[in-house]
Protein backbone atom coordinates (compact mmCIF):
# COMPACT_ATOMS: atom_id res chain seq x y z
CA UNK A 1 93.67 92.96 111.69
CA UNK A 2 92.12 94.87 108.85
CA UNK A 3 93.20 98.09 107.22
CA UNK A 4 90.26 99.82 108.92
CA UNK A 5 91.58 98.76 112.36
CA UNK A 6 95.02 100.12 111.54
CA UNK A 7 93.61 103.42 110.28
CA UNK A 8 91.88 103.97 113.62
CA UNK A 9 95.19 103.79 115.48
CA UNK A 10 96.32 107.14 116.83
CA UNK A 11 99.86 105.95 117.57
CA UNK A 12 101.67 106.28 114.24
CA UNK A 13 104.59 104.03 115.23
CA UNK A 14 102.29 101.19 116.30
CA UNK A 15 100.13 101.58 113.21
CA UNK A 16 103.24 101.50 111.01
CA UNK A 17 104.43 98.25 112.61
CA UNK A 18 100.95 96.70 112.38
CA UNK A 19 100.53 97.62 108.72
CA UNK A 20 103.99 96.31 107.83
CA UNK A 21 103.35 93.09 109.74
CA UNK A 22 100.01 92.60 108.01
CA UNK A 23 101.62 93.13 104.59
CA UNK A 24 104.25 90.49 105.41
CA UNK A 25 101.58 87.98 106.46
CA UNK A 26 99.54 88.59 103.31
CA UNK A 27 102.64 88.18 101.13
CA UNK A 28 103.19 84.67 102.54
CA UNK A 29 99.91 83.43 101.02
CA UNK A 30 99.04 82.82 97.40
CA UNK A 31 97.97 86.00 95.67
CA UNK A 32 94.28 86.62 95.09
CA UNK A 33 92.38 89.68 93.94
CA UNK A 34 91.23 90.34 97.52
CA UNK A 35 94.76 90.11 98.92
CA UNK A 36 96.05 92.37 96.17
CA UNK A 37 93.44 94.97 97.07
CA UNK A 38 94.31 94.73 100.76
CA UNK A 39 98.02 95.11 99.99
CA UNK A 40 97.27 98.23 97.97
CA UNK A 41 95.25 99.69 100.86
CA UNK A 42 98.05 98.89 103.29
CA UNK A 43 100.59 100.44 100.95
CA UNK A 44 98.55 103.64 100.85
CA UNK A 45 98.22 103.63 104.64
CA UNK A 46 101.97 103.18 105.06
CA UNK A 47 102.50 106.20 102.82
CA UNK A 48 100.19 108.25 105.05
CA UNK A 49 101.94 107.06 108.20
CA UNK A 50 105.40 107.77 106.84
CA UNK A 51 104.42 111.28 105.73
CA UNK A 52 102.83 111.92 109.13
CA UNK A 53 105.95 110.77 110.97
CA UNK A 54 108.31 113.17 109.19
């Protein structure tokens, strides 16, 4: 699942779980520039989801 797919989710709890799961899967692989960029996007999305949940 891409960051774009997660951003389209209206259910914040589900999107939070999906983004966290995706970050964990990316972290299991060797780091590349593309994976680093995706992790940064997911990190930003998690920040949005956490702020929206409060």
